Structure formats: structure tokens, C-alpha cells
Amino acid sequence: MNREELIAAIKEIASPYTGDKTALDQINEETNFITDLKINSANLVDIILDLEEKFGIEIDNDSMSKMLNVKSTIEIIEAKLAENDRK
């Protein structure tokens, strides 16, 4: 899965929780979930849980705390998918 596909998946999952739909339409790797998309921290946890389900991965608390923008979220998803491939 390439980065554009990952961004599209993140956008789809984040959509119901997003306070700023205009920012969501312009989502990119630099987009911050809290400041740009106006997603509160409780909903950010919901997004992470949805990402785990969609990609069949498990995101630990340390990784979860780093998932504040799209770029770091993509990097963590890619790392977790690679871990699953090695198993």
C-alpha cells in the first residue's frame, strides 16, 4: 500500500471525527489531527482503534502517543505492517 492509499484510508477513518471538514479535504502528511482537523484526544484514540482494525495491526501505547500527524501515523502503520509480514 502506497502513501496516497494510506492517506486516503486515514482520511476516510478520520472523517466522522473531524471538526474542520475543509482541512480534511486538503489532508496531507503534514496535517495535524488535533490542531488542523480539530479532533479531540478521545476521538484520536477512536481513529487509532479503527486503523488497527482496518490494517490488522496492533499499535502499542508508545506508538500511539506519537500519532499526532498524518506523516507519523503513516510511518507507524508501515512499520506495524512490516512487522506482521515478518511473522
PDB file of N, CA and C in Angstrom:
ATOM      1  N   MET A   1       0.849  -1.179   0.000  1.00  0.00           N
ATOM      2  CA  MET A   1       0.000   0.000   0.000  1.00  0.00           C
ATOM      3  C   MET A   1       0.895   1.243   0.000  1.00  0.00           C
ATOM      4  N   ASN A   2       0.648   2.145  -0.950  1.00  0.00           N
ATOM      5  CA  ASN A   2       1.489   3.343  -1.024  1.00  0.00           C
ATOM      6  C   ASN A   2       0.943   4.454  -0.117  1.00  0.00           C
ATOM      7  N   ARG A   3       1.716   5.526  -0.026  1.00  0.00           N
ATOM      8  CA  ARG A   3       1.354   6.609   0.904  1.00  0.00           C
ATOM      9  C   ARG A   3       0.032   7.277   0.553  1.00  0.00           C
ATOM     10  N   GLU A   4      -0.251   7.420  -0.734  1.00  0.00           N
ATOM     11  CA  GLU A   4      -1.518   8.050  -1.126  1.00  0.00           C
ATOM     12  C   GLU A   4      -2.700   7.195  -0.671  1.00  0.00           C
ATOM     13  N   GLU A   5      -2.567   5.868  -0.794  1.00  0.00           N
ATOM     14  CA  GLU A   5      -3.631   4.978  -0.338  1.00  0.00           C
ATOM     15  C   GLU A   5      -3.790   5.033   1.179  1.00  0.00           C
ATOM     16  N   LEU A   6      -2.660   5.131   1.886  1.00  0.00           N
ATOM     17  CA  LEU A   6      -2.712   5.251   3.340  1.00  0.00           C
ATOM     18  C   LEU A   6      -3.375   6.563   3.758  1.00  0.00           C
ATOM     19  N   ILE A   7      -3.028   7.649   3.080  1.00  0.00           N
ATOM     20  CA  ILE A   7      -3.647   8.951   3.387  1.00  0.00           C
ATOM     21  C   ILE A   7      -5.153   8.873   3.138  1.00  0.00           C
ATOM     22  N   ALA A   8      -5.559   8.235   2.049  1.00  0.00           N
ATOM     23  CA  ALA A   8      -6.989   8.102   1.740  1.00  0.00           C
ATOM     24  C   ALA A   8      -7.697   7.294   2.830  1.00  0.00           C
ATOM     25  N   ALA A   9      -7.054   6.241   3.315  1.00  0.00           N
ATOM     26  CA  ALA A   9      -7.649   5.418   4.382  1.00  0.00           C
ATOM     27  C   ALA A   9      -7.759   6.220   5.674  1.00  0.00           C
ATOM     28  N   ILE A  10      -6.717   6.967   6.005  1.00  0.00           N
ATOM     29  CA  ILE A  10      -6.733   7.803   7.213  1.00  0.00           C
ATOM     30  C   ILE A  10      -7.833   8.864   7.098  1.00  0.00           C
ATOM     31  N   LYS A  11      -7.948   9.463   5.929  1.00  0.00           N
ATOM     32  CA  LYS A  11      -8.972  10.492   5.704  1.00  0.00           C
ATOM     33  C   LYS A  11     -10.373   9.908   5.903  1.00  0.00           C
ATOM     34  N   GLU A  12     -10.596   8.728   5.355  1.00  0.00           N
ATOM     35  CA  GLU A  12     -11.906   8.083   5.481  1.00  0.00           C
ATOM     36  C   GLU A  12     -12.229   7.777   6.950  1.00  0.00           C
ATOM     37  N   ILE A  13     -11.255   7.256   7.671  1.00  0.00           N
ATOM     38  CA  ILE A  13     -11.463   6.904   9.077  1.00  0.00           C
ATOM     39  C   ILE A  13     -11.640   8.152   9.940  1.00  0.00           C
ATOM     40  N   ALA A  14     -10.879   9.209   9.650  1.00  0.00           N
ATOM     41  CA  ALA A  14     -10.932  10.431  10.453  1.00  0.00           C
ATOM     42  C   ALA A  14     -12.169  11.279  10.181  1.00  0.00           C
ATOM     43  N   SER A  15     -12.783  11.090   9.044  1.00  0.00           N
ATOM     44  CA  SER A  15     -13.885  11.947   8.607  1.00  0.00           C
ATOM     45  C   SER A  15     -14.993  12.154   9.643  1.00  0.00           C
ATOM     46  N   PRO A  16     -15.531  11.096  10.260  1.00  0.00           N
ATOM     47  CA  PRO A  16     -16.626  11.330  11.215  1.00  0.00           C
ATOM     48  C   PRO A  16     -16.221  12.104  12.470  1.00  0.00           C
ATOM     49  N   TYR A  17     -14.922  12.140  12.751  1.00  0.00           N
ATOM     50  CA  TYR A  17     -14.430  12.776  13.978  1.00  0.00           C
ATOM     51  C   TYR A  17     -13.886  14.192  13.747  1.00  0.00           C
ATOM     52  N   THR A  18     -13.818  14.593  12.487  1.00  0.00           N
ATOM     53  CA  THR A  18     -13.160  15.843  12.123  1.00  0.00           C
ATOM     54  C   THR A  18     -14.050  17.056  12.336  1.00  0.00           C
ATOM     55  N   GLY A  19     -13.516  18.057  13.038  1.00  0.00           N
ATOM     56  CA  GLY A  19     -14.249  19.289  13.258  1.00  0.00           C
ATOM     57  C   GLY A  19     -14.105  20.276  12.116  1.00  0.00           C
ATOM     58  N   ASP A  20     -13.065  20.114  11.294  1.00  0.00           N
ATOM     59  CA  ASP A  20     -12.801  21.047  10.199  1.00  0.00           C
ATOM     60  C   ASP A  20     -12.771  20.271   8.883  1.00  0.00           C
ATOM     61  N   LYS A  21     -13.923  20.172   8.238  1.00  0.00           N
ATOM     62  CA  LYS A  21     -14.038  19.389   7.006  1.00  0.00           C
ATOM     63  C   LYS A  21     -13.224  19.995   5.861  1.00  0.00           C
ATOM     64  N   THR A  22     -13.018  21.304   5.869  1.00  0.00           N
ATOM     65  CA  THR A  22     -12.208  21.943   4.831  1.00  0.00           C
ATOM     66  C   THR A  22     -10.767  21.455   4.930  1.00  0.00           C
ATOM     67  N   ALA A  23     -10.234  21.380   6.143  1.00  0.00           N
ATOM     68  CA  ALA A  23      -8.873  20.876   6.342  1.00  0.00           C
ATOM     69  C   ALA A  23      -8.788  19.410   5.949  1.00  0.00           C
ATOM     70  N   LEU A  24      -9.838  18.652   6.209  1.00  0.00           N
ATOM     71  CA  LEU A  24      -9.853  17.230   5.847  1.00  0.00           C
ATOM     72  C   LEU A  24      -9.735  17.063   4.339  1.00  0.00           C
ATOM     73  N   ASP A  25     -10.393  17.941   3.577  1.00  0.00           N
ATOM     74  CA  ASP A  25     -10.321  17.875   2.113  1.00  0.00           C
ATOM     75  C   ASP A  25      -8.905  18.109   1.603  1.00  0.00           C
ATOM     76  N   GLN A  26      -8.091  18.808   2.394  1.00  0.00           N
ATOM     77  CA  GLN A  26      -6.727  19.140   1.982  1.00  0.00           C
ATOM     78  C   GLN A  26      -5.683  18.352   2.785  1.00  0.00           C
ATOM     79  N   ILE A  27      -6.078  17.198   3.321  1.00  0.00           N
ATOM     80  CA  ILE A  27      -5.196  16.405   4.172  1.00  0.00           C
ATOM     81  C   ILE A  27      -3.918  16.013   3.432  1.00  0.00           C
ATOM     82  N   ASN A  28      -2.804  16.099   4.143  1.00  0.00           N
ATOM     83  CA  ASN A  28      -1.514  15.674   3.597  1.00  0.00           C
ATOM     84  C   ASN A  28      -0.652  15.181   4.756  1.00  0.00           C
ATOM     85  N   GLU A  29       0.582  14.832   4.479  1.00  0.00           N
ATOM     86  CA  GLU A  29       1.446  14.267   5.515  1.00  0.00           C
ATOM     87  C   GLU A  29       1.708  15.218   6.673  1.00  0.00           C
ATOM     88  N   GLU A  30       1.611  16.498   6.437  1.00  0.00           N
ATOM     89  CA  GLU A  30       1.888  17.478   7.497  1.00  0.00           C
ATOM     90  C   GLU A  30       0.660  17.809   8.342  1.00  0.00           C
ATOM     91  N   THR A  31      -0.493  17.291   7.972  1.00  0.00           N
ATOM     92  CA  THR A  31      -1.731  17.588   8.694  1.00  0.00           C
ATOM     93  C   THR A  31      -1.671  17.049  10.121  1.00  0.00           C
ATOM     94  N   ASN A  32      -1.972  17.927  11.086  1.00  0.00           N
ATOM     95  CA  ASN A  32      -2.016  17.550  12.496  1.00  0.00           C
ATOM     96  C   ASN A  32      -3.473  17.263  12.851  1.00  0.00           C
ATOM     97  N   PHE A  33      -3.699  16.119  13.493  1.00  0.00           N
ATOM     98  CA  PHE A  33      -5.071  15.724  13.813  1.00  0.00           C
ATOM     99  C   PHE A  33      -5.758  16.703  14.766  1.00  0.00           C
ATOM    100  N   ILE A  34      -5.044  17.160  15.765  1.00  0.00           N
ATOM    101  CA  ILE A  34      -5.661  17.992  16.802  1.00  0.00           C
ATOM    102  C   ILE A  34      -5.786  19.444  16.359  1.00  0.00           C
ATOM    103  N   THR A  35      -4.698  20.047  15.886  1.00  0.00           N
ATOM    104  CA  THR A  35      -4.748  21.470  15.553  1.00  0.00           C
ATOM    105  C   THR A  35      -5.370  21.755  14.184  1.00  0.00           C
ATOM    106  N   ASP A  36      -5.109  20.896  13.184  1.00  0.00           N
ATOM    107  CA  ASP A  36      -5.635  21.163  11.842  1.00  0.00           C
ATOM    108  C   ASP A  36      -7.049  20.616  11.645  1.00  0.00           C
ATOM    109  N   LEU A  37      -7.267  19.375  12.082  1.00  0.00           N
ATOM    110  CA  LEU A  37      -8.560  18.736  11.845  1.00  0.00           C
ATOM    111  C   LEU A  37      -9.542  18.916  12.999  1.00  0.00           C
ATOM    112  N   LYS A  38      -9.062  19.520  14.095  1.00  0.00           N
ATOM    113  CA  LYS A  38      -9.909  19.789  15.268  1.00  0.00           C
ATOM    114  C   LYS A  38     -10.514  18.495  15.843  1.00  0.00           C
ATOM    115  N   ILE A  39      -9.674  17.460  15.930  1.00  0.00           N
ATOM    116  CA  ILE A  39     -10.086  16.188  16.516  1.00  0.00           C
ATOM    117  C   ILE A  39      -9.630  16.180  17.964  1.00  0.00           C
ATOM    118  N   ASN A  40     -10.534  15.853  18.883  1.00  0.00           N
ATOM    119  CA  ASN A  40     -10.128  15.828  20.293  1.00  0.00           C
ATOM    120  C   ASN A  40      -9.387  14.527  20.606  1.00  0.00           C
ATOM    121  N   SER A  41      -8.705  14.488  21.720  1.00  0.00           N
ATOM    122  CA  SER A  41      -7.839  13.352  22.043  1.00  0.00           C
ATOM    123  C   SER A  41      -8.618  12.047  22.207  1.00  0.00           C
ATOM    124  N   ALA A  42      -9.831  12.115  22.715  1.00  0.00           N
ATOM    125  CA  ALA A  42     -10.641  10.898  22.849  1.00  0.00           C
ATOM    126  C   ALA A  42     -10.983  10.321  21.476  1.00  0.00           C
ATOM    127  N   ASN A  43     -11.321  11.179  20.547  1.00  0.00           N
ATOM    128  CA  ASN A  43     -11.632  10.718  19.196  1.00  0.00           C
ATOM    129  C   ASN A  43     -10.378  10.251  18.465  1.00  0.00           C
ATOM    130  N   LEU A  44      -9.233  10.809  18.823  1.00  0.00           N
ATOM    131  CA  LEU A  44      -7.978  10.350  18.222  1.00  0.00           C
ATOM    132  C   LEU A  44      -7.734   8.882  18.587  1.00  0.00           C
ATOM    133  N   VAL A  45      -8.072   8.511  19.794  1.00  0.00           N
ATOM    134  CA  VAL A  45      -7.972   7.101  20.213  1.00  0.00           C
ATOM    135  C   VAL A  45      -8.920   6.245  19.367  1.00  0.00           C
ATOM    136  N   ASP A  46     -10.136   6.742  19.111  1.00  0.00           N
ATOM    137  CA  ASP A  46     -11.085   6.009  18.257  1.00  0.00           C
ATOM    138  C   ASP A  46     -10.513   5.796  16.862  1.00  0.00           C
ATOM    139  N   ILE A  47      -9.867   6.820  16.329  1.00  0.00           N
ATOM    140  CA  ILE A  47      -9.261   6.718  14.998  1.00  0.00           C
ATOM    141  C   ILE A  47      -8.173   5.646  15.005  1.00  0.00           C
ATOM    142  N   ILE A  48      -7.350   5.649  16.032  1.00  0.00           N
ATOM    143  CA  ILE A  48      -6.272   4.663  16.115  1.00  0.00           C
ATOM    144  C   ILE A  48      -6.842   3.247  16.207  1.00  0.00           C
ATOM    145  N   LEU A  49      -7.894   3.071  16.995  1.00  0.00           N
ATOM    146  CA  LEU A  49      -8.543   1.760  17.088  1.00  0.00           C
ATOM    147  C   LEU A  49      -9.109   1.335  15.733  1.00  0.00           C
ATOM    148  N   ASP A  50      -9.699   2.271  15.010  1.00  0.00           N
ATOM    149  CA  ASP A  50     -10.227   1.977  13.674  1.00  0.00           C
ATOM    150  C   ASP A  50      -9.108   1.607  12.708  1.00  0.00           C
ATOM    151  N   LEU A  51      -7.962   2.283  12.820  1.00  0.00           N
ATOM    152  CA  LEU A  51      -6.808   1.964  11.973  1.00  0.00           C
ATOM    153  C   LEU A  51      -6.285   0.562  12.282  1.00  0.00           C
ATOM    154  N   GLU A  52      -6.239   0.218  13.561  1.00  0.00           N
ATOM    155  CA  GLU A  52      -5.804  -1.133  13.946  1.00  0.00           C
ATOM    156  C   GLU A  52      -6.694  -2.188  13.280  1.00  0.00           C
ATOM    157  N   GLU A  53      -7.992  -1.946  13.345  1.00  0.00           N
ATOM    158  CA  GLU A  53      -8.945  -2.897  12.769  1.00  0.00           C
ATOM    159  C   GLU A  53      -8.806  -2.981  11.251  1.00  0.00           C
ATOM    160  N   LYS A  54      -8.713  -1.840  10.601  1.00  0.00           N
ATOM    161  CA  LYS A  54      -8.626  -1.805   9.143  1.00  0.00           C
ATOM    162  C   LYS A  54      -7.386  -2.518   8.631  1.00  0.00           C
ATOM    163  N   PHE A  55      -6.255  -2.290   9.285  1.00  0.00           N
ATOM    164  CA  PHE A  55      -4.994  -2.836   8.783  1.00  0.00           C
ATOM    165  C   PHE A  55      -4.570  -4.133   9.476  1.00  0.00           C
ATOM    166  N   GLY A  56      -5.335  -4.586  10.462  1.00  0.00           N
ATOM    167  CA  GLY A  56      -4.989  -5.815  11.156  1.00  0.00           C
ATOM    168  C   GLY A  56      -3.670  -5.717  11.911  1.00  0.00           C
ATOM    169  N   ILE A  57      -3.467  -4.558  12.550  1.00  0.00           N
ATOM    170  CA  ILE A  57      -2.224  -4.319  13.295  1.00  0.00           C
ATOM    171  C   ILE A  57      -2.566  -4.004  14.743  1.00  0.00           C
ATOM    172  N   GLU A  58      -1.545  -4.042  15.584  1.00  0.00           N
ATOM    173  CA  GLU A  58      -1.695  -3.672  16.983  1.00  0.00           C
ATOM    174  C   GLU A  58      -0.734  -2.523  17.262  1.00  0.00           C
ATOM    175  N   ILE A  59      -1.273  -1.421  17.742  1.00  0.00           N
ATOM    176  CA  ILE A  59      -0.468  -0.226  17.994  1.00  0.00           C
ATOM    177  C   ILE A  59      -0.288  -0.072  19.499  1.00  0.00           C
ATOM    178  N   ASP A  60       0.953  -0.137  19.939  1.00  0.00           N
ATOM    179  CA  ASP A  60       1.246  -0.023  21.373  1.00  0.00           C
ATOM    180  C   ASP A  60       1.114   1.425  21.832  1.00  0.00           C
ATOM    181  N   ASN A  61       1.054   1.625  23.134  1.00  0.00           N
ATOM    182  CA  ASN A  61       0.851   2.964  23.702  1.00  0.00           C
ATOM    183  C   ASN A  61       1.948   3.939  23.311  1.00  0.00           C
ATOM    184  N   ASP A  62       3.188   3.464  23.226  1.00  0.00           N
ATOM    185  CA  ASP A  62       4.302   4.337  22.848  1.00  0.00           C
ATOM    186  C   ASP A  62       4.108   4.863  21.428  1.00  0.00           C
ATOM    187  N   SER A  63       3.750   3.977  20.519  1.00  0.00           N
ATOM    188  CA  SER A  63       3.494   4.384  19.134  1.00  0.00           C
ATOM    189  C   SER A  63       2.273   5.286  19.050  1.00  0.00           C
ATOM    190  N   MET A  64       1.251   4.948  19.816  1.00  0.00           N
ATOM    191  CA  MET A  64       0.017   5.723  19.811  1.00  0.00           C
ATOM    192  C   MET A  64       0.282   7.182  20.195  1.00  0.00           C
ATOM    193  N   SER A  65       1.153   7.385  21.162  1.00  0.00           N
ATOM    194  CA  SER A  65       1.437   8.749  21.621  1.00  0.00           C
ATOM    195  C   SER A  65       2.155   9.586  20.569  1.00  0.00           C
ATOM    196  N   LYS A  66       2.727   8.945  19.571  1.00  0.00           N
ATOM    197  CA  LYS A  66       3.439   9.658  18.505  1.00  0.00           C
ATOM    198  C   LYS A  66       2.545   9.974  17.304  1.00  0.00           C
ATOM    199  N   MET A  67       1.348   9.438  17.287  1.00  0.00           N
ATOM    200  CA  MET A  67       0.476   9.561  16.119  1.00  0.00           C
ATOM    201  C   MET A  67      -0.343  10.853  16.159  1.00  0.00           C
ATOM    202  N   LEU A  68       0.360  11.978  16.082  1.00  0.00           N
ATOM    203  CA  LEU A  68      -0.307  13.274  16.158  1.00  0.00           C
ATOM    204  C   LEU A  68      -0.523  13.907  14.791  1.00  0.00           C
ATOM    205  N   ASN A  69       0.243  13.457  13.798  1.00  0.00           N
ATOM    206  CA  ASN A  69       0.032  13.977  12.452  1.00  0.00           C
ATOM    207  C   ASN A  69       0.003  12.820  11.462  1.00  0.00           C
ATOM    208  N   VAL A  70      -0.357  13.107  10.247  1.00  0.00           N
ATOM    209  CA  VAL A  70      -0.544  12.068   9.242  1.00  0.00           C
ATOM    210  C   VAL A  70       0.772  11.362   8.930  1.00  0.00           C
ATOM    211  N   LYS A  71       1.867  12.105   8.835  1.00  0.00           N
ATOM    212  CA  LYS A  71       3.155  11.501   8.494  1.00  0.00           C
ATOM    213  C   LYS A  71       3.577  10.458   9.533  1.00  0.00           C
ATOM    214  N   SER A  72       3.523  10.802  10.808  1.00  0.00           N
ATOM    215  CA  SER A  72       3.928   9.843  11.838  1.00  0.00           C
ATOM    216  C   SER A  72       2.974   8.653  11.875  1.00  0.00           C
ATOM    217  N   THR A  73       1.704   8.887  11.605  1.00  0.00           N
ATOM    218  CA  THR A  73       0.723   7.806  11.572  1.00  0.00           C
ATOM    219  C   THR A  73       1.038   6.837  10.438  1.00  0.00           C
ATOM    220  N   ILE A  74       1.369   7.363   9.272  1.00  0.00           N
ATOM    221  CA  ILE A  74       1.742   6.519   8.128  1.00  0.00           C
ATOM    222  C   ILE A  74       2.988   5.701   8.463  1.00  0.00           C
ATOM    223  N   GLU A  75       3.985   6.347   9.053  1.00  0.00           N
ATOM    224  CA  GLU A  75       5.227   5.650   9.385  1.00  0.00           C
ATOM    225  C   GLU A  75       4.977   4.507  10.364  1.00  0.00           C
ATOM    226  N   ILE A  76       4.117   4.726  11.339  1.00  0.00           N
ATOM    227  CA  ILE A  76       3.816   3.687  12.323  1.00  0.00           C
ATOM    228  C   ILE A  76       3.015   2.559  11.673  1.00  0.00           C
ATOM    229  N   ILE A  77       2.042   2.887  10.838  1.00  0.00           N
ATOM    230  CA  ILE A  77       1.274   1.854  10.140  1.00  0.00           C
ATOM    231  C   ILE A  77       2.209   1.010   9.275  1.00  0.00           C
ATOM    232  N   GLU A  78       3.090   1.670   8.516  1.00  0.00           N
ATOM    233  CA  GLU A  78       4.025   0.936   7.662  1.00  0.00           C
ATOM    234  C   GLU A  78       4.930   0.012   8.480  1.00  0.00           C
ATOM    235  N   ALA A  79       5.408   0.497   9.620  1.00  0.00           N
ATOM    236  CA  ALA A  79       6.279  -0.313  10.481  1.00  0.00           C
ATOM    237  C   ALA A  79       5.524  -1.523  11.031  1.00  0.00           C
ATOM    238  N   LYS A  80       4.287  -1.307  11.466  1.00  0.00           N
ATOM    239  CA  LYS A  80       3.487  -2.403  12.017  1.00  0.00           C
ATOM    240  C   LYS A  80       3.124  -3.424  10.938  1.00  0.00           C
ATOM    241  N   LEU A  81       2.837  -2.956   9.733  1.00  0.00           N
ATOM    242  CA  LEU A  81       2.548  -3.877   8.631  1.00  0.00           C
ATOM    243  C   LEU A  81       3.787  -4.696   8.294  1.00  0.00           C
ATOM    244  N   ALA A  82       4.956  -4.056   8.325  1.00  0.00           N
ATOM    245  CA  ALA A  82       6.216  -4.775   8.043  1.00  0.00           C
ATOM    246  C   ALA A  82       6.489  -5.824   9.130  1.00  0.00           C
ATOM    247  N   GLU A  83       6.190  -5.476  10.398  1.00  0.00           N
ATOM    248  CA  GLU A  83       6.339  -6.439  11.495  1.00  0.00           C
ATOM    249  C   GLU A  83       5.442  -7.651  11.249  1.00  0.00           C
ATOM    250  N   ASN A  84       4.207  -7.405  10.817  1.00  0.00           N
ATOM    251  CA  ASN A  84       3.277  -8.504  10.555  1.00  0.00           C
ATOM    252  C   ASN A  84       3.778  -9.392   9.424  1.00  0.00           C
ATOM    253  N   ASP A  85       4.408  -8.776   8.412  1.00  0.00           N
ATOM    254  CA  ASP A  85       4.947  -9.545   7.282  1.00  0.00           C
ATOM    255  C   ASP A  85       6.082 -10.466   7.712  1.00  0.00           C
ATOM    256  N   ARG A  86       6.829 -10.043   8.726  1.00  0.00           N
ATOM    257  CA  ARG A  86       7.960 -10.848   9.206  1.00  0.00           C
ATOM    258  C   ARG A  86       7.510 -12.012  10.083  1.00  0.00           C
ATOM    259  N   LYS A  87       6.280 -11.958  10.575  1.00  0.00           N
ATOM    260  CA  LYS A  87       5.794 -13.018  11.476  1.00  0.00           C
ATOM    261  C   LYS A  87       5.377 -14.256  10.706  1.00  0.00           C
TER     262      LYS A  87
END
